[in-house]
Amino acid sequence: MKPIITLLTDFGTADYFVGAVKGAILTVNPEASIVDITHEVPPHDIASAAFTLMAVCSTFPTGTIHVAVVDPGVGSSRRAMVVRAREQLFVGPDNGIFSYVLESSPEPEAFHLDRPAFFRHPVSQTFNGRDVFAPVAAALASGIEPEELGTRISDAVRLPSLETTVSTDGHVHARIIHIDRFGNCVTNLTPAELSAEMIAAGANLRVNDSVVKQFKDFFAEGVDGGESLFGIWGSAGFLEIAAMNDSAARLLNAKRGDAVTVWTRAVTGHCTP
């Protein structure tokens, strides 16, 4: 099978940047199959890219190489890196973009790309996507191992963890980690923190000044009492707060990072409306 290299960037498609990255890959490895995940990550939004990469990588086969470039620190002292995780490889800047992949993998390995022989020269201080990450990905697709490309590291930059916390009063404290183009608010809650039994017992969610009481199995399912907001398990495995034919983010006046608190009868004896 042809080696698969995916691209995830904030480059957009109006300029030459994506085409140049593809050209640099194909110059080194003409057999590579290049797949665009997206080039519409909001400019410089590392956390958005980290979520998207985590959500999509499991759909690709073993051995896929993912190039992720959202790089506001290009040209600075930030490191270039390759990560081995989930039986795949990830190439990009060491700025937190691989945080969620690293966190969700049992035994990830990371390497600082410090072997310039594998780069495209001269290396532009403003376009490492073309001159560093693209040729490194192509080398990996040709069978080069990460150990040949750089030095193993154990201090990769990390974004705040996806783990939730439980306060002394028993409430589960989570947050919004992503808002998609429909305005759905993706939280870091998984079924481990919010079980079906908790929902059946009347759990609700507190976000800003709003209470979300309803939960759905699919978007078109009806809700009781005229409530517009509801919780639903999204395809990435996290609980999302959504609104039928509307933006939950707008209705909640929510942004990424806002707190989400789970209240249950087991904690309070009742669910405060």
C-alpha atoms as a PDB file:
ATOM      1  CA  MET A   1       0.000   0.000   0.000  1.00  0.00           C
ATOM      2  CA  LYS A   2       1.223   3.483  -0.779  1.00  0.00           C
ATOM      3  CA  PRO A   3       2.352   5.389   2.318  1.00  0.00           C
ATOM      4  CA  ILE A   4      -0.321   7.809   3.532  1.00  0.00           C
ATOM      5  CA  ILE A   5       0.624  11.313   4.630  1.00  0.00           C
ATOM      6  CA  THR A   6      -2.120  13.577   5.963  1.00  0.00           C
ATOM      7  CA  LEU A   7      -1.998  17.354   6.203  1.00  0.00           C
ATOM      8  CA  LEU A   8      -3.685  19.497   8.854  1.00  0.00           C
ATOM      9  CA  THR A   9      -2.873  23.212   8.847  1.00  0.00           C
ATOM     10  CA  ASP A  10      -4.162  26.743   9.275  1.00  0.00           C
ATOM     11  CA  PHE A  11      -2.796  27.717   5.842  1.00  0.00           C
ATOM     12  CA  GLY A  12      -6.140  28.050   4.062  1.00  0.00           C
ATOM     13  CA  THR A  13      -6.308  27.361   0.332  1.00  0.00           C
ATOM     14  CA  ALA A  14      -6.033  30.821  -1.188  1.00  0.00           C
ATOM     15  CA  ASP A  15      -2.223  30.911  -1.136  1.00  0.00           C
ATOM     16  CA  TYR A  16       0.536  28.631  -2.401  1.00  0.00           C
ATOM     17  CA  PHE A  17       1.409  27.161   1.009  1.00  0.00           C
ATOM     18  CA  VAL A  18      -0.458  23.842   0.836  1.00  0.00           C
ATOM     19  CA  GLY A  19       0.704  23.180  -2.701  1.00  0.00           C
ATOM     20  CA  ALA A  20       4.306  23.862  -1.700  1.00  0.00           C
ATOM     21  CA  VAL A  21       4.101  21.391   1.192  1.00  0.00           C
ATOM     22  CA  LYS A  22       2.728  18.724  -1.135  1.00  0.00           C
ATOM     23  CA  GLY A  23       5.445  19.441  -3.690  1.00  0.00           C
ATOM     24  CA  ALA A  24       8.156  19.090  -1.045  1.00  0.00           C
ATOM     25  CA  ILE A  25       6.733  15.729   0.031  1.00  0.00           C
ATOM     26  CA  LEU A  26       6.464  14.382  -3.504  1.00  0.00           C
ATOM     27  CA  THR A  27       9.983  15.524  -4.388  1.00  0.00           C
ATOM     28  CA  VAL A  28      11.343  13.194  -1.705  1.00  0.00           C
ATOM     29  CA  ASN A  29       8.741  10.435  -2.045  1.00  0.00           C
ATOM     30  CA  PRO A  30       6.727  10.469  -5.288  1.00  0.00           C
ATOM     31  CA  GLU A  31       4.824   7.363  -4.141  1.00  0.00           C
ATOM     32  CA  ALA A  32       3.199   9.064  -1.161  1.00  0.00           C
ATOM     33  CA  SER A  33      -0.568   9.330  -1.026  1.00  0.00           C
ATOM     34  CA  ILE A  34      -1.423  12.754   0.431  1.00  0.00           C
ATOM     35  CA  VAL A  35      -4.733  13.294   2.226  1.00  0.00           C
ATOM     36  CA  ASP A  36      -5.983  16.735   3.286  1.00  0.00           C
ATOM     37  CA  ILE A  37      -7.666  16.667   6.700  1.00  0.00           C
ATOM     38  CA  THR A  38      -8.282  20.414   6.781  1.00  0.00           C
ATOM     39  CA  HIS A  39      -6.463  23.653   6.091  1.00  0.00           C
ATOM     40  CA  GLU A  40      -9.152  25.749   7.781  1.00  0.00           C
ATOM     41  CA  VAL A  41      -7.991  25.546  11.391  1.00  0.00           C
ATOM     42  CA  PRO A  42      -8.424  29.091  12.757  1.00  0.00           C
ATOM     43  CA  PRO A  43      -5.096  30.912  12.348  1.00  0.00           C
ATOM     44  CA  HIS A  44      -2.620  30.112  15.147  1.00  0.00           C
ATOM     45  CA  ASP A  45      -5.256  28.046  17.049  1.00  0.00           C
ATOM     46  CA  ILE A  46      -3.120  25.217  18.406  1.00  0.00           C
ATOM     47  CA  ALA A  47      -5.839  23.816  20.678  1.00  0.00           C
ATOM     48  CA  SER A  48      -8.314  23.525  17.810  1.00  0.00           C
ATOM     49  CA  ALA A  49      -5.726  21.666  15.740  1.00  0.00           C
ATOM     50  CA  ALA A  50      -4.891  19.364  18.661  1.00  0.00           C
ATOM     51  CA  PHE A  51      -8.551  18.400  19.057  1.00  0.00           C
ATOM     52  CA  THR A  52      -9.086  17.857  15.325  1.00  0.00           C
ATOM     53  CA  LEU A  53      -5.993  15.692  15.044  1.00  0.00           C
ATOM     54  CA  MET A  54      -7.004  13.537  18.026  1.00  0.00           C
ATOM     55  CA  ALA A  55     -10.543  13.151  16.667  1.00  0.00           C
ATOM     56  CA  VAL A  56      -9.515  12.115  13.163  1.00  0.00           C
ATOM     57  CA  CYS A  57      -6.323  10.073  13.502  1.00  0.00           C
ATOM     58  CA  SER A  58      -8.022   6.867  14.664  1.00  0.00           C
ATOM     59  CA  THR A  59      -9.854   6.616  11.329  1.00  0.00           C
ATOM     60  CA  PHE A  60      -6.572   6.177   9.435  1.00  0.00           C
ATOM     61  CA  PRO A  61      -4.710   2.889   9.023  1.00  0.00           C
ATOM     62  CA  THR A  62      -1.636   1.790  10.926  1.00  0.00           C
ATOM     63  CA  GLY A  63       1.498   3.482   9.633  1.00  0.00           C
ATOM     64  CA  THR A  64      -0.171   6.728   8.567  1.00  0.00           C
ATOM     65  CA  ILE A  65       2.012   9.820   8.910  1.00  0.00           C
ATOM     66  CA  HIS A  66       0.216  12.988  10.022  1.00  0.00           C
ATOM     67  CA  VAL A  67       1.764  16.402   9.324  1.00  0.00           C
ATOM     68  CA  ALA A  68       0.136  19.018  11.563  1.00  0.00           C
ATOM     69  CA  VAL A  69       1.296  22.604  11.178  1.00  0.00           C
ATOM     70  CA  VAL A  70      -0.250  25.405  13.203  1.00  0.00           C
ATOM     71  CA  ASP A  71       2.905  27.191  14.107  1.00  0.00           C
ATOM     72  CA  PRO A  72       2.835  30.739  15.510  1.00  0.00           C
ATOM     73  CA  GLY A  73       6.359  30.152  16.846  1.00  0.00           C
ATOM     74  CA  VAL A  74       7.953  29.327  13.484  1.00  0.00           C
ATOM     75  CA  GLY A  75      11.494  30.653  13.311  1.00  0.00           C
ATOM     76  CA  SER A  76      11.835  30.831  17.097  1.00  0.00           C
ATOM     77  CA  SER A  77      13.548  28.413  19.461  1.00  0.00           C
ATOM     78  CA  ARG A  78      10.547  26.040  19.523  1.00  0.00           C
ATOM     79  CA  ARG A  79      11.547  22.521  18.532  1.00  0.00           C
ATOM     80  CA  ALA A  80      10.451  20.501  15.527  1.00  0.00           C
ATOM     81  CA  MET A  81       9.363  17.001  16.471  1.00  0.00           C
ATOM     82  CA  VAL A  82       8.008  13.639  15.441  1.00  0.00           C
ATOM     83  CA  VAL A  83       5.761  11.554  17.699  1.00  0.00           C
ATOM     84  CA  ARG A  84       5.195   7.820  17.508  1.00  0.00           C
ATOM     85  CA  ALA A  85       1.789   6.940  18.968  1.00  0.00           C
ATOM     86  CA  ARG A  86      -1.238   4.780  18.154  1.00  0.00           C
ATOM     87  CA  GLU A  87       0.916   2.884  15.629  1.00  0.00           C
ATOM     88  CA  GLN A  88       1.110   6.090  13.593  1.00  0.00           C
ATOM     89  CA  LEU A  89       3.559   8.983  13.259  1.00  0.00           C
ATOM     90  CA  PHE A  90       2.940  12.693  13.812  1.00  0.00           C
ATOM     91  CA  VAL A  91       5.206  15.443  12.498  1.00  0.00           C
ATOM     92  CA  GLY A  92       5.063  19.119  13.413  1.00  0.00           C
ATOM     93  CA  PRO A  93       6.106  21.818  15.881  1.00  0.00           C
ATOM     94  CA  ASP A  94       6.603  21.110  19.579  1.00  0.00           C
ATOM     95  CA  ASN A  95       4.036  23.679  20.692  1.00  0.00           C
ATOM     96  CA  GLY A  96       1.273  21.506  22.157  1.00  0.00           C
ATOM     97  CA  ILE A  97      -0.338  20.487  18.886  1.00  0.00           C
ATOM     98  CA  PHE A  98       0.214  16.801  19.713  1.00  0.00           C
ATOM     99  CA  SER A  99      -0.908  17.116  23.342  1.00  0.00           C
ATOM    100  CA  TYR A 100      -4.132  15.155  23.064  1.00  0.00           C
ATOM    101  CA  VAL A 101      -2.559  12.435  20.918  1.00  0.00           C
ATOM    102  CA  LEU A 102       0.196  12.042  23.512  1.00  0.00           C
ATOM    103  CA  GLU A 103      -2.278  12.056  26.406  1.00  0.00           C
ATOM    104  CA  SER A 104      -4.567   9.466  24.854  1.00  0.00           C
ATOM    105  CA  SER A 105      -1.784   7.042  23.889  1.00  0.00           C
ATOM    106  CA  PRO A 106      -0.478   4.371  26.293  1.00  0.00           C
ATOM    107  CA  GLU A 107       3.245   4.590  25.455  1.00  0.00           C
ATOM    108  CA  PRO A 108       3.959   7.488  23.108  1.00  0.00           C
ATOM    109  CA  GLU A 109       7.472   8.407  22.017  1.00  0.00           C
ATOM    110  CA  ALA A 110       8.674  11.840  20.949  1.00  0.00           C
ATOM    111  CA  PHE A 111      11.806  12.908  19.082  1.00  0.00           C
ATOM    112  CA  HIS A 112      13.351  16.325  18.507  1.00  0.00           C
ATOM    113  CA  LEU A 113      14.058  16.699  14.786  1.00  0.00           C
ATOM    114  CA  ASP A 114      17.680  17.816  14.981  1.00  0.00           C
ATOM    115  CA  ARG A 115      19.184  16.148  11.877  1.00  0.00           C
ATOM    116  CA  PRO A 116      19.235  18.891   9.190  1.00  0.00           C
ATOM    117  CA  ALA A 117      20.368  16.418   6.537  1.00  0.00           C
ATOM    118  CA  PHE A 118      16.719  15.397   6.178  1.00  0.00           C
ATOM    119  CA  PHE A 119      15.465  18.968   5.681  1.00  0.00           C
ATOM    120  CA  ARG A 120      14.920  20.895   2.460  1.00  0.00           C
ATOM    121  CA  HIS A 121      17.601  23.550   2.022  1.00  0.00           C
ATOM    122  CA  PRO A 122      17.811  26.418   2.471  1.00  0.00           C
ATOM    123  CA  VAL A 123      15.417  26.253   5.399  1.00  0.00           C
ATOM    124  CA  SER A 124      13.088  29.249   5.480  1.00  0.00           C
ATOM    125  CA  GLN A 125      12.595  30.792   8.918  1.00  0.00           C
ATOM    126  CA  THR A 126       8.928  31.379   8.038  1.00  0.00           C
ATOM    127  CA  PHE A 127       7.963  28.125   6.290  1.00  0.00           C
ATOM    128  CA  ASN A 128       9.068  25.067   8.255  1.00  0.00           C
ATOM    129  CA  GLY A 129       5.973  23.249   6.967  1.00  0.00           C
ATOM    130  CA  ARG A 130       7.603  23.062   3.547  1.00  0.00           C
ATOM    131  CA  ASP A 131      11.272  22.871   4.501  1.00  0.00           C
ATOM    132  CA  VAL A 132      11.285  20.716   7.653  1.00  0.00           C
ATOM    133  CA  PHE A 133       8.040  18.879   8.268  1.00  0.00           C
ATOM    134  CA  ALA A 134       7.217  17.920   4.666  1.00  0.00           C
ATOM    135  CA  PRO A 135      10.590  16.308   3.816  1.00  0.00           C
ATOM    136  CA  VAL A 136      10.737  14.593   7.218  1.00  0.00           C
ATOM    137  CA  ALA A 137       7.284  13.094   6.619  1.00  0.00           C
ATOM    138  CA  ALA A 138       8.396  11.933   3.189  1.00  0.00           C
ATOM    139  CA  ALA A 139      11.504  10.339   4.713  1.00  0.00           C
ATOM    140  CA  LEU A 140       9.351   8.509   7.252  1.00  0.00           C
ATOM    141  CA  ALA A 141       7.113   7.312   4.417  1.00  0.00           C
ATOM    142  CA  SER A 142      10.239   5.927   2.741  1.00  0.00           C
ATOM    143  CA  GLY A 143      11.016   3.764   5.760  1.00  0.00           C
ATOM    144  CA  ILE A 144      13.307   6.010   7.791  1.00  0.00           C
ATOM    145  CA  GLU A 145      12.718   5.505  11.525  1.00  0.00           C
ATOM    146  CA  PRO A 146      12.152   8.435  13.919  1.00  0.00           C
ATOM    147  CA  GLU A 147      15.314   7.476  15.816  1.00  0.00           C
ATOM    148  CA  GLU A 148      17.312   8.320  12.675  1.00  0.00           C
ATOM    149  CA  LEU A 149      15.741  11.762  12.437  1.00  0.00           C
ATOM    150  CA  GLY A 150      16.263  13.113  15.914  1.00  0.00           C
ATOM    151  CA  THR A 151      16.892  12.777  19.610  1.00  0.00           C
ATOM    152  CA  ARG A 152      14.363  11.191  21.949  1.00  0.00           C
ATOM    153  CA  ILE A 153      12.739  13.695  24.329  1.00  0.00           C
ATOM    154  CA  SER A 154      10.429  13.387  27.325  1.00  0.00           C
ATOM    155  CA  ASP A 155       9.416  17.015  27.822  1.00  0.00           C
ATOM    156  CA  ALA A 156       7.173  17.759  24.860  1.00  0.00           C
ATOM    157  CA  VAL A 157       5.028  20.859  25.294  1.00  0.00           C
ATOM    158  CA  ARG A 158       1.535  20.002  26.547  1.00  0.00           C
ATOM    159  CA  LEU A 159      -1.767  21.857  26.568  1.00  0.00           C
ATOM    160  CA  PRO A 160      -3.909  21.551  29.724  1.00  0.00           C
ATOM    161  CA  SER A 161      -4.977  17.946  30.296  1.00  0.00           C
ATOM    162  CA  LEU A 162      -8.307  16.584  29.094  1.00  0.00           C
ATOM    163  CA  GLU A 163      -8.911  15.033  32.507  1.00  0.00           C
ATOM    164  CA  THR A 164     -11.875  16.238  34.535  1.00  0.00           C
ATOM    165  CA  THR A 165     -11.790  16.810  38.294  1.00  0.00           C
ATOM    166  CA  VAL A 166     -14.203  16.042  41.111  1.00  0.00           C
ATOM    167  CA  SER A 167     -14.615  18.597  43.905  1.00  0.00           C
ATOM    168  CA  THR A 168     -15.124  17.765  47.557  1.00  0.00           C
ATOM    169  CA  ASP A 169     -18.874  18.260  47.116  1.00  0.00           C
ATOM    170  CA  GLY A 170     -18.904  15.525  44.465  1.00  0.00           C
ATOM    171  CA  HIS A 171     -19.499  17.704  41.421  1.00  0.00           C
ATOM    172  CA  VAL A 172     -17.634  16.780  38.235  1.00  0.00           C
ATOM    173  CA  HIS A 173     -15.805  19.768  36.795  1.00  0.00           C
ATOM    174  CA  ALA A 174     -15.133  19.780  33.075  1.00  0.00           C
ATOM    175  CA  ARG A 175     -14.709  22.380  30.333  1.00  0.00           C
ATOM    176  CA  ILE A 176     -15.490  23.124  26.705  1.00  0.00           C
ATOM    177  CA  ILE A 177     -12.528  21.953  24.615  1.00  0.00           C
ATOM    178  CA  HIS A 178     -13.820  22.702  21.122  1.00  0.00           C
ATOM    179  CA  ILE A 179     -16.659  24.502  19.323  1.00  0.00           C
ATOM    180  CA  ASP A 180     -17.438  23.177  15.873  1.00  0.00           C
ATOM    181  CA  ARG A 181     -18.805  25.092  12.877  1.00  0.00           C
ATOM    182  CA  PHE A 182     -22.392  24.288  13.915  1.00  0.00           C
ATOM    183  CA  GLY A 183     -21.890  25.853  17.330  1.00  0.00           C
ATOM    184  CA  ASN A 184     -21.861  22.528  19.162  1.00  0.00           C
ATOM    185  CA  CYS A 185     -19.784  22.776  22.346  1.00  0.00           C
ATOM    186  CA  VAL A 186     -17.552  19.731  22.766  1.00  0.00           C
ATOM    187  CA  THR A 187     -16.668  19.049  26.405  1.00  0.00           C
ATOM    188  CA  ASN A 188     -13.992  16.813  27.895  1.00  0.00           C
ATOM    189  CA  LEU A 189     -16.651  14.626  29.523  1.00  0.00           C
ATOM    190  CA  THR A 190     -16.621  10.943  28.577  1.00  0.00           C
ATOM    191  CA  PRO A 191     -18.944   8.134  29.724  1.00  0.00           C
ATOM    192  CA  ALA A 192     -16.415   7.448  32.487  1.00  0.00           C
ATOM    193  CA  GLU A 193     -17.354  10.755  34.137  1.00  0.00           C
ATOM    194  CA  LEU A 194     -20.992  10.979  33.059  1.00  0.00           C
ATOM    195  CA  SER A 195     -22.537   7.525  32.929  1.00  0.00           C
ATOM    196  CA  ALA A 196     -25.893   6.489  31.522  1.00  0.00           C
ATOM    197  CA  GLU A 197     -26.995   5.784  35.085  1.00  0.00           C
ATOM    198  CA  MET A 198     -26.160   9.341  36.141  1.00  0.00           C
ATOM    199  CA  ILE A 199     -28.120  10.747  33.212  1.00  0.00           C
ATOM    200  CA  ALA A 200     -31.082   8.476  33.937  1.00  0.00           C
ATOM    201  CA  ALA A 201     -31.016   9.645  37.563  1.00  0.00           C
ATOM    202  CA  GLY A 202     -31.420  13.265  36.464  1.00  0.00           C
ATOM    203  CA  ALA A 203     -27.916  14.653  36.008  1.00  0.00           C
ATOM    204  CA  ASN A 204     -27.720  18.102  34.494  1.00  0.00           C
ATOM    205  CA  LEU A 205     -25.006  20.409  33.224  1.00  0.00           C
ATOM    206  CA  ARG A 206     -24.213  23.955  34.368  1.00  0.00           C
ATOM    207  CA  VAL A 207     -22.582  26.205  31.780  1.00  0.00           C
ATOM    208  CA  ASN A 208     -22.220  29.897  32.540  1.00  0.00           C
ATOM    209  CA  ASP A 209     -25.704  30.893  33.741  1.00  0.00           C
ATOM    210  CA  SER A 210     -27.545  28.082  31.968  1.00  0.00           C
ATOM    211  CA  VAL A 211     -28.682  24.613  32.987  1.00  0.00           C
ATOM    212  CA  VAL A 212     -28.810  21.820  30.406  1.00  0.00           C
ATOM    213  CA  LYS A 213     -31.306  19.198  31.535  1.00  0.00           C
ATOM    214  CA  GLN A 214     -32.027  17.221  28.387  1.00  0.00           C
ATOM    215  CA  PHE A 215     -29.962  14.506  26.704  1.00  0.00           C
ATOM    216  CA  LYS A 216     -30.457  13.005  23.251  1.00  0.00           C
ATOM    217  CA  ASP A 217     -29.248   9.919  21.414  1.00  0.00           C
ATOM    218  CA  PHE A 218     -29.428  11.671  18.014  1.00  0.00           C
ATOM    219  CA  PHE A 219     -29.947  15.242  16.845  1.00  0.00           C
ATOM    220  CA  ALA A 220     -33.474  14.884  15.432  1.00  0.00           C
ATOM    221  CA  GLU A 221     -34.820  13.289  18.608  1.00  0.00           C
ATOM    222  CA  GLY A 222     -37.461  15.379  20.351  1.00  0.00           C
ATOM    223  CA  VAL A 223     -36.876  16.976  23.754  1.00  0.00           C
ATOM    224  CA  ASP A 224     -39.337  17.634  26.545  1.00  0.00           C
ATOM    225  CA  GLY A 225     -40.597  20.939  27.851  1.00  0.00           C
ATOM    226  CA  GLY A 226     -39.538  23.070  24.913  1.00  0.00           C
ATOM    227  CA  GLU A 227     -35.868  22.984  25.958  1.00  0.00           C
ATOM    228  CA  SER A 228     -33.599  24.005  23.079  1.00  0.00           C
ATOM    229  CA  LEU A 229     -30.273  22.901  24.575  1.00  0.00           C
ATOM    230  CA  PHE A 230     -29.337  19.277  25.085  1.00  0.00           C
ATOM    231  CA  GLY A 231     -26.365  16.998  25.685  1.00  0.00           C
ATOM    232  CA  ILE A 232     -25.391  14.370  23.113  1.00  0.00           C
ATOM    233  CA  TRP A 233     -22.483  11.975  22.760  1.00  0.00           C
ATOM    234  CA  GLY A 234     -20.434  13.122  19.777  1.00  0.00           C
ATOM    235  CA  SER A 235     -18.516  11.027  17.283  1.00  0.00           C
ATOM    236  CA  ALA A 236     -15.186  11.891  18.944  1.00  0.00           C
ATOM    237  CA  GLY A 237     -16.327  10.187  22.157  1.00  0.00           C
ATOM    238  CA  PHE A 238     -17.000  13.339  24.178  1.00  0.00           C
ATOM    239  CA  LEU A 239     -20.245  14.848  25.412  1.00  0.00           C
ATOM    240  CA  GLU A 240     -21.362  17.777  23.280  1.00  0.00           C
ATOM    241  CA  ILE A 241     -23.853  20.488  24.164  1.00  0.00           C
ATOM    242  CA  ALA A 242     -25.997  21.243  21.142  1.00  0.00           C
ATOM    243  CA  ALA A 243     -29.176  23.033  20.096  1.00  0.00           C
ATOM    244  CA  MET A 244     -31.658  21.929  17.459  1.00  0.00           C
ATOM    245  CA  ASN A 245     -31.014  23.931  14.277  1.00  0.00           C
ATOM    246  CA  ASP A 246     -29.172  26.577  16.275  1.00  0.00           C
ATOM    247  CA  SER A 247     -25.780  27.335  17.777  1.00  0.00           C
ATOM    248  CA  ALA A 248     -25.402  26.154  21.370  1.00  0.00           C
ATOM    249  CA  ALA A 249     -22.328  28.352  21.703  1.00  0.00           C
ATOM    250  CA  ARG A 250     -24.398  31.407  20.837  1.00  0.00           C
ATOM    251  CA  LEU A 251     -27.255  30.475  23.149  1.00  0.00           C
ATOM    252  CA  LEU A 252     -24.859  29.821  26.012  1.00  0.00           C
ATOM    253  CA  ASN A 253     -22.589  32.769  25.196  1.00  0.00           C
ATOM    254  CA  ALA A 254     -19.878  30.120  25.455  1.00  0.00           C
ATOM    255  CA  LYS A 255     -16.288  29.927  24.338  1.00  0.00           C
ATOM    256  CA  ARG A 256     -13.595  27.285  24.513  1.00  0.00           C
ATOM    257  CA  GLY A 257     -12.310  26.895  28.056  1.00  0.00           C
ATOM    258  CA  ASP A 258     -15.615  27.739  29.759  1.00  0.00           C
ATOM    259  CA  ALA A 259     -16.403  25.575  32.762  1.00  0.00           C
ATOM    260  CA  VAL A 260     -18.977  22.781  32.590  1.00  0.00           C
ATOM    261  CA  THR A 261     -20.171  21.309  35.890  1.00  0.00           C
ATOM    262  CA  VAL A 262     -22.113  18.067  36.262  1.00  0.00           C
ATOM    263  CA  TRP A 263     -24.763  18.068  39.002  1.00  0.00           C
ATOM    264  CA  THR A 264     -26.450  14.829  40.033  1.00  0.00           C
ATOM    265  CA  ARG A 265     -29.036  13.710  42.537  1.00  0.00           C
ATOM    266  CA  ALA A 266     -26.407  11.441  44.028  1.00  0.00           C
ATOM    267  CA  VAL A 267     -24.499  14.553  45.070  1.00  0.00           C
ATOM    268  CA  THR A 268     -27.201  17.002  46.059  1.00  0.00           C
ATOM    269  CA  GLY A 269     -30.214  14.847  46.834  1.00  0.00           C
ATOM    270  CA  HIS A 270     -31.945  16.682  44.011  1.00  0.00           C
ATOM    271  CA  CYS A 271     -31.071  18.464  40.806  1.00  0.00           C
ATOM    272  CA  THR A 272     -31.431  22.155  41.365  1.00  0.00           C
ATOM    273  CA  PRO A 273     -33.269  23.645  38.370  1.00  0.00           C
END
